[in-house]
C-alpha cells in the first residue's frame, strides 16, 4: 500500500512539516509507535541488520538497519530512566 500525505515548507527558512504525521503518531516521519516497538524488540533479540530484515520479511516494511539501532537504543534509554525512577534510593 502506498500512502501519500501533504507536506508543506516555508520558502524563506526551508522548515517543513507534514501535519498528518502528528495525527498518525509518526515520530518525525519515521515509525508509528507500534512499528517502533516491534523494531526495538527485533533489535534487542538480534543484530540490527537482521532485525531490519525480519521486519521486511514478516511485515513487508523496509526499515533501515540504522533506524532499528536508533529506536532500540531510544527505548533502552527510556527503560533505564523508568527503572531509575522506580528504584528505591538506599
N, C-alpha and C. Protein backbone atom coordinates (compact mmCIF):
# COMPACT_ATOMS: atom_id res chain seq x y z
N UNK A 1 0.84 -1.16 0.00
CA UNK A 1 0.00 0.00 0.00
C UNK A 1 0.89 1.23 0.00
N UNK A 2 0.55 2.18 -0.80
CA UNK A 2 1.30 3.43 -0.86
C UNK A 2 0.43 4.52 -0.26
N UNK A 3 0.99 5.24 0.67
CA UNK A 3 0.28 6.31 1.35
C UNK A 3 0.96 7.62 1.06
N UNK A 4 0.21 8.59 0.61
CA UNK A 4 0.77 9.91 0.35
C UNK A 4 0.12 10.90 1.30
N UNK A 5 0.89 11.88 1.75
CA UNK A 5 0.37 12.89 2.65
C UNK A 5 0.89 14.25 2.22
N UNK A 6 0.14 15.30 2.52
CA UNK A 6 0.61 16.65 2.16
C UNK A 6 1.82 17.04 2.99
N UNK A 7 2.73 17.75 2.37
CA UNK A 7 3.93 18.25 3.04
C UNK A 7 4.07 19.72 2.67
N UNK A 8 4.28 20.54 3.67
CA UNK A 8 4.39 21.98 3.46
C UNK A 8 5.74 22.46 3.95
N UNK A 9 6.31 23.46 3.28
CA UNK A 9 7.56 24.04 3.77
C UNK A 9 7.56 25.54 3.54
N UNK A 10 8.32 26.20 4.40
CA UNK A 10 8.45 27.65 4.33
C UNK A 10 9.53 27.96 3.29
N UNK A 11 9.19 28.74 2.29
CA UNK A 11 10.15 29.10 1.25
C UNK A 11 11.29 29.94 1.81
N UNK A 12 11.03 30.72 2.84
CA UNK A 12 12.06 31.60 3.41
C UNK A 12 13.10 30.83 4.22
N UNK A 13 12.64 29.94 5.12
CA UNK A 13 13.61 29.26 6.01
C UNK A 13 13.82 27.79 5.66
N UNK A 14 12.95 27.22 4.83
CA UNK A 14 13.12 25.82 4.43
C UNK A 14 12.57 24.80 5.40
N UNK A 15 12.03 25.24 6.54
CA UNK A 15 11.47 24.31 7.51
C UNK A 15 10.17 23.74 6.95
N UNK A 16 10.02 22.42 7.09
CA UNK A 16 8.84 21.78 6.56
C UNK A 16 8.10 20.97 7.59
N UNK A 17 6.87 20.61 7.23
CA UNK A 17 6.07 19.77 8.11
C UNK A 17 5.03 19.01 7.30
N UNK A 18 4.66 17.88 7.84
CA UNK A 18 3.56 17.08 7.29
C UNK A 18 2.55 16.94 8.43
N UNK A 19 1.50 17.75 8.44
CA UNK A 19 0.55 17.75 9.56
C UNK A 19 -0.04 16.38 9.87
N UNK A 20 -0.23 15.55 8.87
CA UNK A 20 -0.82 14.22 9.11
C UNK A 20 0.09 13.35 9.96
N UNK A 21 1.39 13.58 9.96
CA UNK A 21 2.31 12.76 10.75
C UNK A 21 1.95 12.78 12.23
N UNK A 22 1.63 13.96 12.76
CA UNK A 22 1.26 14.06 14.17
C UNK A 22 -0.04 13.31 14.45
N UNK A 23 -0.99 13.41 13.54
CA UNK A 23 -2.28 12.74 13.72
C UNK A 23 -2.09 11.23 13.70
N UNK A 24 -1.21 10.74 12.84
CA UNK A 24 -0.97 9.30 12.70
C UNK A 24 0.02 8.75 13.71
N UNK A 25 0.61 9.60 14.55
CA UNK A 25 1.54 9.13 15.57
C UNK A 25 2.92 8.79 15.04
N UNK A 26 3.32 9.42 13.95
CA UNK A 26 4.65 9.15 13.41
C UNK A 26 5.69 9.98 14.13
N UNK A 27 6.81 9.36 14.46
CA UNK A 27 7.91 10.02 15.15
C UNK A 27 8.78 10.72 14.12
N UNK A 28 8.51 11.99 13.88
CA UNK A 28 9.26 12.77 12.90
C UNK A 28 9.27 12.07 11.54
N UNK A 29 8.15 11.45 11.18
CA UNK A 29 8.02 10.83 9.88
C UNK A 29 8.70 9.47 9.76
N UNK A 30 9.14 8.88 10.88
CA UNK A 30 9.87 7.63 10.80
C UNK A 30 8.98 6.40 11.01
N UNK A 31 8.62 6.10 12.24
CA UNK A 31 7.89 4.88 12.54
C UNK A 31 6.68 5.19 13.41
N UNK A 32 5.61 4.43 13.21
CA UNK A 32 4.49 4.53 14.13
C UNK A 32 4.93 3.96 15.47
N UNK A 33 4.24 4.29 16.56
CA UNK A 33 4.62 3.72 17.86
C UNK A 33 4.61 2.19 17.86
N UNK A 34 3.64 1.57 17.21
CA UNK A 34 3.59 0.11 17.17
C UNK A 34 4.76 -0.49 16.41
N UNK A 35 5.09 0.09 15.26
CA UNK A 35 6.22 -0.43 14.49
C UNK A 35 7.53 -0.18 15.23
N UNK A 36 7.62 0.93 15.96
CA UNK A 36 8.83 1.20 16.75
C UNK A 36 9.02 0.13 17.82
N UNK A 37 7.93 -0.30 18.46
CA UNK A 37 8.04 -1.36 19.47
C UNK A 37 8.52 -2.67 18.86
N UNK A 38 7.97 -3.02 17.69
CA UNK A 38 8.38 -4.26 17.02
C UNK A 38 9.84 -4.16 16.58
N UNK A 39 10.24 -3.02 16.03
CA UNK A 39 11.63 -2.83 15.60
C UNK A 39 12.58 -2.92 16.78
N UNK A 40 12.20 -2.32 17.91
CA UNK A 40 13.06 -2.38 19.10
C UNK A 40 13.17 -3.81 19.62
N UNK A 41 12.07 -4.54 19.62
CA UNK A 41 12.12 -5.94 20.08
C UNK A 41 13.02 -6.76 19.18
N UNK A 42 12.91 -6.57 17.85
CA UNK A 42 13.80 -7.28 16.94
C UNK A 42 15.25 -6.85 17.14
N UNK A 43 15.45 -5.56 17.42
CA UNK A 43 16.80 -5.05 17.66
C UNK A 43 17.42 -5.57 18.94
N UNK A 44 16.58 -5.90 19.92
CA UNK A 44 17.08 -6.46 21.17
C UNK A 44 17.47 -7.93 21.01
N UNK A 45 16.76 -8.64 20.16
CA UNK A 45 16.94 -10.08 20.06
C UNK A 45 17.93 -10.51 18.99
N UNK A 46 18.34 -9.59 18.13
CA UNK A 46 19.24 -9.97 17.02
C UNK A 46 20.04 -8.74 16.63
N UNK A 47 21.10 -8.92 15.84
CA UNK A 47 21.82 -7.76 15.32
C UNK A 47 20.85 -6.85 14.56
N UNK A 48 21.12 -5.55 14.56
CA UNK A 48 20.20 -4.58 13.99
C UNK A 48 19.87 -4.86 12.52
N UNK A 49 20.85 -5.27 11.74
CA UNK A 49 20.61 -5.58 10.34
C UNK A 49 19.66 -6.76 10.18
N UNK A 50 19.83 -7.76 11.02
CA UNK A 50 18.94 -8.92 10.97
C UNK A 50 17.54 -8.53 11.43
N UNK A 51 17.45 -7.66 12.44
CA UNK A 51 16.16 -7.16 12.90
C UNK A 51 15.43 -6.44 11.79
N UNK A 52 16.17 -5.63 11.02
CA UNK A 52 15.57 -4.92 9.88
C UNK A 52 15.06 -5.90 8.84
N UNK A 53 15.83 -6.96 8.58
CA UNK A 53 15.38 -7.94 7.58
C UNK A 53 14.16 -8.71 8.07
N UNK A 54 14.05 -8.93 9.38
CA UNK A 54 12.85 -9.60 9.92
C UNK A 54 11.61 -8.73 9.71
N UNK A 55 11.74 -7.42 9.91
CA UNK A 55 10.60 -6.53 9.69
C UNK A 55 10.13 -6.61 8.25
N UNK A 56 11.08 -6.64 7.33
CA UNK A 56 10.71 -6.71 5.91
C UNK A 56 10.09 -8.06 5.57
N UNK A 57 10.68 -9.11 6.10
CA UNK A 57 10.17 -10.46 5.80
C UNK A 57 8.78 -10.70 6.40
N UNK A 58 8.59 -10.31 7.66
CA UNK A 58 7.34 -10.62 8.34
C UNK A 58 6.22 -9.60 8.11
N UNK A 59 6.61 -8.32 7.97
CA UNK A 59 5.59 -7.28 7.86
C UNK A 59 5.56 -6.61 6.50
N UNK A 60 6.57 -6.89 5.66
CA UNK A 60 6.63 -6.25 4.36
C UNK A 60 7.00 -4.77 4.44
N UNK A 61 7.64 -4.38 5.53
CA UNK A 61 8.02 -2.98 5.76
C UNK A 61 9.53 -2.87 5.74
N UNK A 62 10.05 -2.02 4.86
CA UNK A 62 11.50 -1.80 4.83
C UNK A 62 11.86 -0.75 5.87
N UNK A 63 12.71 -1.13 6.81
CA UNK A 63 13.24 -0.22 7.83
C UNK A 63 14.75 -0.37 7.80
N UNK A 64 15.44 0.74 7.67
CA UNK A 64 16.89 0.73 7.61
C UNK A 64 17.50 0.21 8.92
N UNK A 65 18.60 -0.48 8.81
CA UNK A 65 19.32 -1.01 9.97
C UNK A 65 19.62 0.09 10.99
N UNK A 66 19.98 1.27 10.53
CA UNK A 66 20.30 2.38 11.43
C UNK A 66 19.06 2.83 12.20
N UNK A 67 17.89 2.77 11.58
CA UNK A 67 16.65 3.14 12.26
C UNK A 67 16.34 2.12 13.35
N UNK A 68 16.55 0.83 13.07
CA UNK A 68 16.35 -0.20 14.08
C UNK A 68 17.30 0.04 15.25
N UNK A 69 18.54 0.37 14.98
CA UNK A 69 19.50 0.65 16.05
C UNK A 69 19.04 1.84 16.88
N UNK A 70 18.66 2.91 16.22
CA UNK A 70 18.28 4.14 16.91
C UNK A 70 17.04 3.93 17.80
N UNK A 71 16.01 3.28 17.26
CA UNK A 71 14.79 3.09 18.04
C UNK A 71 15.03 2.11 19.19
N UNK A 72 15.87 1.12 18.98
CA UNK A 72 16.20 0.17 20.06
C UNK A 72 16.92 0.90 21.18
N UNK A 73 17.88 1.74 20.84
CA UNK A 73 18.62 2.49 21.85
C UNK A 73 17.73 3.50 22.56
N UNK A 74 16.83 4.15 21.82
CA UNK A 74 15.91 5.12 22.44
C UNK A 74 15.02 4.44 23.47
N UNK A 75 14.45 3.30 23.10
CA UNK A 75 13.60 2.61 24.04
C UNK A 75 14.40 2.06 25.22
N UNK A 76 15.65 1.67 24.98
CA UNK A 76 16.52 1.24 26.07
C UNK A 76 16.78 2.36 27.07
N UNK A 77 17.02 3.57 26.56
CA UNK A 77 17.23 4.73 27.45
C UNK A 77 15.96 5.03 28.25
N UNK A 78 14.79 4.91 27.60
CA UNK A 78 13.54 5.14 28.32
C UNK A 78 13.33 4.09 29.41
N UNK A 79 13.66 2.85 29.13
CA UNK A 79 13.53 1.78 30.13
C UNK A 79 14.49 2.02 31.29
N UNK A 80 15.73 2.44 31.00
CA UNK A 80 16.69 2.75 32.06
C UNK A 80 16.19 3.87 32.95
N UNK A 81 15.66 4.93 32.34
CA UNK A 81 15.15 6.07 33.10
C UNK A 81 13.96 5.65 33.96
N UNK A 82 13.08 4.82 33.41
CA UNK A 82 11.92 4.36 34.15
C UNK A 82 12.34 3.54 35.35
N UNK A 83 13.33 2.67 35.17
CA UNK A 83 13.81 1.84 36.28
C UNK A 83 14.51 2.68 37.34
N UNK A 84 15.23 3.71 36.90
CA UNK A 84 15.93 4.57 37.86
C UNK A 84 14.93 5.31 38.75
N UNK A 85 13.81 5.73 38.17
CA UNK A 85 12.79 6.45 38.94
C UNK A 85 12.10 5.49 39.90
N UNK A 86 11.88 4.26 39.46
CA UNK A 86 11.17 3.29 40.28
C UNK A 86 12.04 2.67 41.37
N UNK A 87 13.37 2.71 41.20
CA UNK A 87 14.27 2.06 42.16
C UNK A 87 14.35 2.86 43.45
N UNK A 88 14.23 2.21 44.59
CA UNK A 88 14.36 2.93 45.88
C UNK A 88 15.80 3.39 46.07
N UNK A 89 15.93 4.55 46.64
CA UNK A 89 17.27 5.12 46.92
C UNK A 89 17.71 4.62 48.28
N UNK A 90 18.92 4.01 48.36
CA UNK A 90 19.39 3.47 49.67
C UNK A 90 19.71 4.57 50.65
